[in-house]
Amino acid sequence: MQLRVQPTTEKTAADFASFLKEKLEVTDILHLALSGGSTPKLLFDYMATHVHDFRWERLHLYWGDERCVPPNDAESNYRMTDEYLLSKVPIPKENIHRIMGENEPQQEVVRYTQLLENTLPKENQLPVFDIIMLGMGEDGHTASIFPHEAHLLTAEKTCAVGTHPESGQKRVTLTGPIIKNAKCICFLVTGKSKQEKLSAIYHESKEAEHYPAFHISQGHPNVVWFVDTTATALIQSV
């Protein structure tokens, strides 16, 4: 398990931004799937204030999951990205490939699956992202694959509808196979609330088997965890 540990959440975001900058320098096109959450806000703020550091014309953006709400809704991952990043940087509009949360969920699964089939290169008979950025919830979920829907980790479909276990909110999410088909999987995990889950995953404890984030990180040759010292406080060897 490759950990890149920084002393603060802000420096964790900056570390990932530097990682992304380096990747953009050595490729003609980079397909990146984004996550929601609080840490990406700091990442997007950093990128927007260092706008000249990035080759925006080379970057194609997608989303790992989206709540089934309109793009102007306060809960929309797209809206958060637009507010903190897209509206502030010169990325071509045709390079932005959002999940349309306003659509009927199952219809959007079909549409977004076709979009990925049409725009991404293929490996292992599946669309392949260059980088998928993921977070981890306090229950160990990642993207919108929750512990009670572990079948989405191995679903044959590229995209599926996930359901939040408490609110019942529907979400369109990438499934395990396409996430694990990415060339690089990057987790951004920060804060005290993630300590126990991160430690369990790091030590491959029995509890970790209940966490979708653990299963996504297992068996992939290129998984990087961008974390802060607070999140790693229970990992003695770091």
C-alpha atoms as a PDB file:
ATOM      1  CA  MET A   1       0.000   0.000   0.000  1.00  0.00           C
ATOM      2  CA  GLN A   2       1.711   3.154  -1.234  1.00  0.00           C
ATOM      3  CA  LEU A   3       1.131   6.099   1.094  1.00  0.00           C
ATOM      4  CA  ARG A   4       2.112   9.683   0.283  1.00  0.00           C
ATOM      5  CA  VAL A   5       1.798  11.388   3.662  1.00  0.00           C
ATOM      6  CA  GLN A   6       1.675  15.156   4.155  1.00  0.00           C
ATOM      7  CA  PRO A   7       1.370  17.085   7.434  1.00  0.00           C
ATOM      8  CA  THR A   8      -1.871  18.877   6.534  1.00  0.00           C
ATOM      9  CA  THR A   9      -4.955  18.442   4.373  1.00  0.00           C
ATOM     10  CA  GLU A  10      -3.896  21.438   2.289  1.00  0.00           C
ATOM     11  CA  LYS A  11      -0.488  19.925   1.582  1.00  0.00           C
ATOM     12  CA  THR A  12      -2.110  16.613   0.695  1.00  0.00           C
ATOM     13  CA  ALA A  13      -4.180  18.418  -1.935  1.00  0.00           C
ATOM     14  CA  ALA A  14      -1.077  20.215  -3.213  1.00  0.00           C
ATOM     15  CA  ASP A  15       0.801  16.908  -3.412  1.00  0.00           C
ATOM     16  CA  PHE A  16      -1.857  15.399  -5.633  1.00  0.00           C
ATOM     17  CA  ALA A  17      -1.890  18.542  -7.771  1.00  0.00           C
ATOM     18  CA  SER A  18       1.870  18.189  -8.289  1.00  0.00           C
ATOM     19  CA  PHE A  19       1.386  14.531  -9.172  1.00  0.00           C
ATOM     20  CA  LEU A  20      -1.242  15.483 -11.769  1.00  0.00           C
ATOM     21  CA  LYS A  21       0.895  18.286 -13.169  1.00  0.00           C
ATOM     22  CA  GLU A  22       3.774  15.855 -13.758  1.00  0.00           C
ATOM     23  CA  LYS A  23       1.474  13.409 -15.561  1.00  0.00           C
ATOM     24  CA  LEU A  24       0.126  16.148 -17.832  1.00  0.00           C
ATOM     25  CA  GLU A  25       3.631  17.180 -18.838  1.00  0.00           C
ATOM     26  CA  VAL A  26       4.423  13.787 -20.360  1.00  0.00           C
ATOM     27  CA  THR A  27       1.218  12.905 -22.203  1.00  0.00           C
ATOM     28  CA  ASP A  28      -0.865  14.338 -25.041  1.00  0.00           C
ATOM     29  CA  ILE A  29      -4.170  13.533 -23.337  1.00  0.00           C
ATOM     30  CA  LEU A  30      -5.060  12.474 -19.808  1.00  0.00           C
ATOM     31  CA  HIS A  31      -8.422  10.980 -18.874  1.00  0.00           C
ATOM     32  CA  LEU A  32      -9.161  11.731 -15.204  1.00  0.00           C
ATOM     33  CA  ALA A  33     -12.227  10.706 -13.198  1.00  0.00           C
ATOM     34  CA  LEU A  34     -12.958  13.030 -10.263  1.00  0.00           C
ATOM     35  CA  SER A  35     -14.533  12.450  -6.873  1.00  0.00           C
ATOM     36  CA  GLY A  36     -16.668  14.626  -4.635  1.00  0.00           C
ATOM     37  CA  GLY A  37     -16.050  15.420  -0.985  1.00  0.00           C
ATOM     38  CA  SER A  38     -14.206  18.047   1.035  1.00  0.00           C
ATOM     39  CA  THR A  39     -10.576  17.240   0.152  1.00  0.00           C
ATOM     40  CA  PRO A  40     -11.172  17.761  -3.599  1.00  0.00           C
ATOM     41  CA  LYS A  41     -12.401  21.283  -2.796  1.00  0.00           C
ATOM     42  CA  LEU A  42      -8.940  22.085  -1.477  1.00  0.00           C
ATOM     43  CA  LEU A  43      -7.391  20.411  -4.501  1.00  0.00           C
ATOM     44  CA  PHE A  44      -9.545  22.412  -6.898  1.00  0.00           C
ATOM     45  CA  ASP A  45      -8.777  25.638  -5.028  1.00  0.00           C
ATOM     46  CA  TYR A  46      -5.063  24.907  -5.360  1.00  0.00           C
ATOM     47  CA  MET A  47      -5.335  24.140  -9.082  1.00  0.00           C
ATOM     48  CA  ALA A  48      -7.397  27.266  -9.720  1.00  0.00           C
ATOM     49  CA  THR A  49      -4.833  29.484  -7.992  1.00  0.00           C
ATOM     50  CA  HIS A  50      -1.968  27.782  -9.860  1.00  0.00           C
ATOM     51  CA  VAL A  51      -3.784  27.846 -13.168  1.00  0.00           C
ATOM     52  CA  HIS A  52      -0.661  28.322 -15.291  1.00  0.00           C
ATOM     53  CA  ASP A  53       0.926  25.135 -13.918  1.00  0.00           C
ATOM     54  CA  PHE A  54      -1.424  22.819 -15.810  1.00  0.00           C
ATOM     55  CA  ARG A  55      -1.822  21.829 -19.457  1.00  0.00           C
ATOM     56  CA  TRP A  56      -5.600  22.206 -19.438  1.00  0.00           C
ATOM     57  CA  GLU A  57      -6.009  21.372 -23.126  1.00  0.00           C
ATOM     58  CA  ARG A  58      -4.637  17.888 -22.409  1.00  0.00           C
ATOM     59  CA  LEU A  59      -6.991  17.140 -19.515  1.00  0.00           C
ATOM     60  CA  HIS A  60     -10.316  15.359 -19.985  1.00  0.00           C
ATOM     61  CA  LEU A  61     -12.516  15.240 -16.889  1.00  0.00           C
ATOM     62  CA  TYR A  62     -15.092  12.644 -15.904  1.00  0.00           C
ATOM     63  CA  TRP A  63     -16.779  11.762 -12.618  1.00  0.00           C
ATOM     64  CA  GLY A  64     -16.595   8.557 -10.603  1.00  0.00           C
ATOM     65  CA  ASP A  65     -20.091   9.103  -9.288  1.00  0.00           C
ATOM     66  CA  GLU A  66     -22.836  11.681  -9.149  1.00  0.00           C
ATOM     67  CA  ARG A  67     -25.898  12.224  -7.004  1.00  0.00           C
ATOM     68  CA  CYS A  68     -29.145  12.098  -8.951  1.00  0.00           C
ATOM     69  CA  VAL A  69     -29.816  15.820  -8.705  1.00  0.00           C
ATOM     70  CA  PRO A  70     -29.683  18.693 -11.229  1.00  0.00           C
ATOM     71  CA  PRO A  71     -26.247  20.224 -11.943  1.00  0.00           C
ATOM     72  CA  ASN A  72     -27.160  23.405 -10.049  1.00  0.00           C
ATOM     73  CA  ASP A  73     -28.183  21.505  -6.902  1.00  0.00           C
ATOM     74  CA  ALA A  74     -26.089  22.066  -3.771  1.00  0.00           C
ATOM     75  CA  GLU A  75     -25.414  18.295  -3.537  1.00  0.00           C
ATOM     76  CA  SER A  76     -24.149  17.950  -7.115  1.00  0.00           C
ATOM     77  CA  ASN A  77     -20.530  16.849  -7.469  1.00  0.00           C
ATOM     78  CA  TYR A  78     -20.447  18.624 -10.808  1.00  0.00           C
ATOM     79  CA  ARG A  79     -21.651  21.886  -9.261  1.00  0.00           C
ATOM     80  CA  MET A  80     -18.914  21.700  -6.615  1.00  0.00           C
ATOM     81  CA  THR A  81     -16.273  21.093  -9.283  1.00  0.00           C
ATOM     82  CA  ASP A  82     -17.609  23.918 -11.424  1.00  0.00           C
ATOM     83  CA  GLU A  83     -17.705  26.340  -8.508  1.00  0.00           C
ATOM     84  CA  TYR A  84     -14.220  25.587  -7.232  1.00  0.00           C
ATOM     85  CA  LEU A  85     -12.419  24.746 -10.483  1.00  0.00           C
ATOM     86  CA  LEU A  86     -14.083  24.688 -13.889  1.00  0.00           C
ATOM     87  CA  SER A  87     -15.388  28.260 -13.806  1.00  0.00           C
ATOM     88  CA  LYS A  88     -11.879  29.513 -12.991  1.00  0.00           C
ATOM     89  CA  VAL A  89      -9.627  27.666 -15.451  1.00  0.00           C
ATOM     90  CA  PRO A  90      -9.259  27.560 -19.265  1.00  0.00           C
ATOM     91  CA  ILE A  91     -10.238  23.917 -19.762  1.00  0.00           C
ATOM     92  CA  PRO A  92     -12.033  23.387 -23.101  1.00  0.00           C
ATOM     93  CA  LYS A  93     -15.751  22.720 -22.613  1.00  0.00           C
ATOM     94  CA  GLU A  94     -15.532  19.672 -24.867  1.00  0.00           C
ATOM     95  CA  ASN A  95     -13.076  18.142 -22.369  1.00  0.00           C
ATOM     96  CA  ILE A  96     -15.714  18.049 -19.614  1.00  0.00           C
ATOM     97  CA  HIS A  97     -17.763  14.856 -19.531  1.00  0.00           C
ATOM     98  CA  ARG A  98     -20.214  15.047 -16.651  1.00  0.00           C
ATOM     99  CA  ILE A  99     -22.705  12.518 -15.376  1.00  0.00           C
ATOM    100  CA  MET A 100     -26.142  14.064 -15.907  1.00  0.00           C
ATOM    101  CA  GLY A 101     -27.675  13.626 -12.481  1.00  0.00           C
ATOM    102  CA  GLU A 102     -30.897  15.270 -13.622  1.00  0.00           C
ATOM    103  CA  ASN A 103     -31.685  12.328 -15.919  1.00  0.00           C
ATOM    104  CA  GLU A 104     -33.625   9.228 -14.913  1.00  0.00           C
ATOM    105  CA  PRO A 105     -30.941   7.121 -13.166  1.00  0.00           C
ATOM    106  CA  GLN A 106     -31.099   3.949 -15.246  1.00  0.00           C
ATOM    107  CA  GLN A 107     -31.233   5.927 -18.479  1.00  0.00           C
ATOM    108  CA  GLU A 108     -28.196   7.914 -17.369  1.00  0.00           C
ATOM    109  CA  VAL A 109     -26.335   4.680 -16.638  1.00  0.00           C
ATOM    110  CA  VAL A 110     -26.871   3.705 -20.266  1.00  0.00           C
ATOM    111  CA  ARG A 111     -25.935   7.149 -21.611  1.00  0.00           C
ATOM    112  CA  TYR A 112     -22.785   7.551 -19.521  1.00  0.00           C
ATOM    113  CA  THR A 113     -21.676   4.006 -20.257  1.00  0.00           C
ATOM    114  CA  GLN A 114     -21.920   4.775 -23.966  1.00  0.00           C
ATOM    115  CA  LEU A 115     -20.054   8.048 -23.517  1.00  0.00           C
ATOM    116  CA  LEU A 116     -17.176   6.216 -21.812  1.00  0.00           C
ATOM    117  CA  GLU A 117     -17.180   3.572 -24.522  1.00  0.00           C
ATOM    118  CA  ASN A 118     -16.931   6.277 -27.177  1.00  0.00           C
ATOM    119  CA  THR A 119     -14.337   8.578 -25.593  1.00  0.00           C
ATOM    120  CA  LEU A 120     -11.929   6.385 -23.628  1.00  0.00           C
ATOM    121  CA  PRO A 121      -9.314   3.986 -24.990  1.00  0.00           C
ATOM    122  CA  LYS A 122      -9.822   0.284 -24.290  1.00  0.00           C
ATOM    123  CA  GLU A 123      -7.802  -2.250 -22.372  1.00  0.00           C
ATOM    124  CA  ASN A 124      -8.991  -5.654 -21.180  1.00  0.00           C
ATOM    125  CA  GLN A 125     -12.141  -5.030 -23.247  1.00  0.00           C
ATOM    126  CA  LEU A 126     -13.078  -2.155 -20.931  1.00  0.00           C
ATOM    127  CA  PRO A 127     -12.720   1.627 -21.140  1.00  0.00           C
ATOM    128  CA  VAL A 128      -9.561   2.712 -19.324  1.00  0.00           C
ATOM    129  CA  PHE A 129      -8.960   5.911 -17.368  1.00  0.00           C
ATOM    130  CA  ASP A 130      -5.444   7.207 -16.899  1.00  0.00           C
ATOM    131  CA  ILE A 131      -6.245   8.222 -13.321  1.00  0.00           C
ATOM    132  CA  ILE A 132      -9.277   7.695 -11.121  1.00  0.00           C
ATOM    133  CA  MET A 133      -9.409   9.921  -8.061  1.00  0.00           C
ATOM    134  CA  LEU A 134     -11.349   8.424  -5.171  1.00  0.00           C
ATOM    135  CA  GLY A 135     -12.307   9.385  -1.666  1.00  0.00           C
ATOM    136  CA  MET A 136     -13.355   7.131   1.183  1.00  0.00           C
ATOM    137  CA  GLY A 137     -16.426   7.618   3.345  1.00  0.00           C
ATOM    138  CA  GLU A 138     -16.565   7.000   7.073  1.00  0.00           C
ATOM    139  CA  ASP A 139     -18.247   3.659   6.318  1.00  0.00           C
ATOM    140  CA  GLY A 140     -15.453   2.656   3.932  1.00  0.00           C
ATOM    141  CA  HIS A 141     -17.431   3.334   0.748  1.00  0.00           C
ATOM    142  CA  THR A 142     -15.787   4.748  -2.341  1.00  0.00           C
ATOM    143  CA  ALA A 143     -17.360   6.319  -5.429  1.00  0.00           C
ATOM    144  CA  SER A 144     -21.004   5.398  -4.654  1.00  0.00           C
ATOM    145  CA  ILE A 145     -20.255   1.763  -3.901  1.00  0.00           C
ATOM    146  CA  PHE A 146     -21.529   1.322  -0.353  1.00  0.00           C
ATOM    147  CA  PRO A 147     -20.916  -1.679   1.927  1.00  0.00           C
ATOM    148  CA  HIS A 148     -24.517  -2.902   1.550  1.00  0.00           C
ATOM    149  CA  GLU A 149     -24.118  -2.999  -2.250  1.00  0.00           C
ATOM    150  CA  ALA A 150     -20.835  -4.885  -2.486  1.00  0.00           C
ATOM    151  CA  HIS A 151     -22.066  -6.592  -5.668  1.00  0.00           C
ATOM    152  CA  LEU A 152     -21.211  -3.352  -7.498  1.00  0.00           C
ATOM    153  CA  LEU A 153     -17.544  -4.192  -6.925  1.00  0.00           C
ATOM    154  CA  THR A 154     -17.835  -7.000  -9.462  1.00  0.00           C
ATOM    155  CA  ALA A 155     -20.812  -5.888 -11.559  1.00  0.00           C
ATOM    156  CA  GLU A 156     -20.551  -6.611 -15.271  1.00  0.00           C
ATOM    157  CA  LYS A 157     -21.841  -3.143 -16.171  1.00  0.00           C
ATOM    158  CA  THR A 158     -19.488  -0.185 -16.444  1.00  0.00           C
ATOM    159  CA  CYS A 159     -21.904   2.078 -14.550  1.00  0.00           C
ATOM    160  CA  ALA A 160     -24.723   1.337 -12.129  1.00  0.00           C
ATOM    161  CA  VAL A 161     -27.174   3.003  -9.768  1.00  0.00           C
ATOM    162  CA  GLY A 162     -26.097   3.042  -6.142  1.00  0.00           C
ATOM    163  CA  THR A 163     -28.309   3.908  -3.178  1.00  0.00           C
ATOM    164  CA  HIS A 164     -27.186   5.791  -0.096  1.00  0.00           C
ATOM    165  CA  PRO A 165     -27.914   3.505   2.885  1.00  0.00           C
ATOM    166  CA  GLU A 166     -29.411   6.229   5.097  1.00  0.00           C
ATOM    167  CA  SER A 167     -31.041   8.797   2.836  1.00  0.00           C
ATOM    168  CA  GLY A 168     -32.024   6.398   0.063  1.00  0.00           C
ATOM    169  CA  GLN A 169     -30.696   8.911  -2.452  1.00  0.00           C
ATOM    170  CA  LYS A 170     -29.919   7.402  -5.863  1.00  0.00           C
ATOM    171  CA  ARG A 171     -26.510   7.921  -7.404  1.00  0.00           C
ATOM    172  CA  VAL A 172     -24.919   6.967 -10.714  1.00  0.00           C
ATOM    173  CA  THR A 173     -21.527   5.360 -10.083  1.00  0.00           C
ATOM    174  CA  LEU A 174     -18.697   3.646 -11.854  1.00  0.00           C
ATOM    175  CA  THR A 175     -18.475  -0.012 -10.871  1.00  0.00           C
ATOM    176  CA  GLY A 176     -15.530  -1.967  -9.519  1.00  0.00           C
ATOM    177  CA  PRO A 177     -14.269  -3.451 -12.798  1.00  0.00           C
ATOM    178  CA  ILE A 178     -13.847  -0.131 -14.641  1.00  0.00           C
ATOM    179  CA  ILE A 179     -12.341   1.538 -11.562  1.00  0.00           C
ATOM    180  CA  LYS A 180      -9.812  -1.270 -11.208  1.00  0.00           C
ATOM    181  CA  ASN A 181      -9.079  -1.114 -14.945  1.00  0.00           C
ATOM    182  CA  ALA A 182      -7.630   2.401 -14.564  1.00  0.00           C
ATOM    183  CA  LYS A 183      -3.907   2.814 -15.077  1.00  0.00           C
ATOM    184  CA  CYS A 184      -3.644   4.556 -11.712  1.00  0.00           C
ATOM    185  CA  ILE A 185      -6.031   4.740  -8.746  1.00  0.00           C
ATOM    186  CA  CYS A 186      -5.497   7.658  -6.375  1.00  0.00           C
ATOM    187  CA  PHE A 187      -7.251   7.875  -3.014  1.00  0.00           C
ATOM    188  CA  LEU A 188      -7.406  11.270  -1.277  1.00  0.00           C
ATOM    189  CA  VAL A 189      -8.135  10.552   2.391  1.00  0.00           C
ATOM    190  CA  THR A 190      -7.710  13.050   5.200  1.00  0.00           C
ATOM    191  CA  GLY A 191      -8.880  13.735   8.731  1.00  0.00           C
ATOM    192  CA  LYS A 192      -9.506  12.030  12.048  1.00  0.00           C
ATOM    193  CA  SER A 193     -12.776  10.418  10.962  1.00  0.00           C
ATOM    194  CA  LYS A 194     -10.869   8.205   8.491  1.00  0.00           C
ATOM    195  CA  GLN A 195      -8.240   6.906  10.937  1.00  0.00           C
ATOM    196  CA  GLU A 196      -9.810   3.571  11.854  1.00  0.00           C
ATOM    197  CA  LYS A 197     -10.833   2.641   8.326  1.00  0.00           C
ATOM    198  CA  LEU A 198      -7.464   3.607   6.858  1.00  0.00           C
ATOM    199  CA  SER A 199      -5.613   1.627   9.519  1.00  0.00           C
ATOM    200  CA  ALA A 200      -7.784  -1.432   8.921  1.00  0.00           C
ATOM    201  CA  ILE A 201      -7.129  -1.238   5.178  1.00  0.00           C
ATOM    202  CA  TYR A 202      -3.401  -0.685   5.648  1.00  0.00           C
ATOM    203  CA  HIS A 203      -3.084  -3.670   7.983  1.00  0.00           C
ATOM    204  CA  GLU A 204      -5.515  -5.763   5.881  1.00  0.00           C
ATOM    205  CA  SER A 205      -7.545  -6.588   8.967  1.00  0.00           C
ATOM    206  CA  LYS A 206     -10.722  -8.658   8.952  1.00  0.00           C
ATOM    207  CA  GLU A 207     -12.819  -5.515   9.367  1.00  0.00           C
ATOM    208  CA  ALA A 208     -11.418  -4.121   6.119  1.00  0.00           C
ATOM    209  CA  GLU A 209     -13.179  -6.831   4.147  1.00  0.00           C
ATOM    210  CA  HIS A 210     -16.428  -4.899   4.695  1.00  0.00           C
ATOM    211  CA  TYR A 211     -15.067  -1.726   3.090  1.00  0.00           C
ATOM    212  CA  PRO A 212     -15.437  -1.235  -0.677  1.00  0.00           C
ATOM    213  CA  ALA A 213     -12.337   0.999  -0.646  1.00  0.00           C
ATOM    214  CA  PHE A 214     -10.280  -1.966   0.559  1.00  0.00           C
ATOM    215  CA  HIS A 215     -11.454  -4.190  -2.288  1.00  0.00           C
ATOM    216  CA  ILE A 216     -10.776  -1.498  -4.885  1.00  0.00           C
ATOM    217  CA  SER A 217      -7.215  -1.096  -3.615  1.00  0.00           C
ATOM    218  CA  GLN A 218      -6.463  -4.812  -3.529  1.00  0.00           C
ATOM    219  CA  GLY A 219      -4.694  -6.497  -6.428  1.00  0.00           C
ATOM    220  CA  HIS A 220      -4.087  -3.339  -8.461  1.00  0.00           C
ATOM    221  CA  PRO A 221      -0.459  -2.606  -9.406  1.00  0.00           C
ATOM    222  CA  ASN A 222      -0.689   1.179  -9.145  1.00  0.00           C
ATOM    223  CA  VAL A 223      -2.708   2.481  -6.193  1.00  0.00           C
ATOM    224  CA  VAL A 224      -1.517   5.628  -4.423  1.00  0.00           C
ATOM    225  CA  TRP A 225      -3.017   6.925  -1.176  1.00  0.00           C
ATOM    226  CA  PHE A 226      -2.595  10.685  -0.725  1.00  0.00           C
ATOM    227  CA  VAL A 227      -3.157  11.162   3.013  1.00  0.00           C
ATOM    228  CA  ASP A 228      -2.417  13.542   5.867  1.00  0.00           C
ATOM    229  CA  THR A 229      -0.778  12.688   9.179  1.00  0.00           C
ATOM    230  CA  THR A 230      -4.081  12.910  11.026  1.00  0.00           C
ATOM    231  CA  ALA A 231      -5.613  10.155   8.899  1.00  0.00           C
ATOM    232  CA  THR A 232      -2.558   7.909   9.423  1.00  0.00           C
ATOM    233  CA  ALA A 233      -2.369   8.371  13.200  1.00  0.00           C
ATOM    234  CA  LEU A 234      -3.309   4.731  13.885  1.00  0.00           C
ATOM    235  CA  ILE A 235      -0.773   3.314  11.432  1.00  0.00           C
ATOM    236  CA  GLN A 236       2.265   2.712  13.590  1.00  0.00           C
ATOM    237  CA  SER A 237       4.761   2.133  10.779  1.00  0.00           C
ATOM    238  CA  VAL A 238       4.199   5.485   9.046  1.00  0.00           C
END
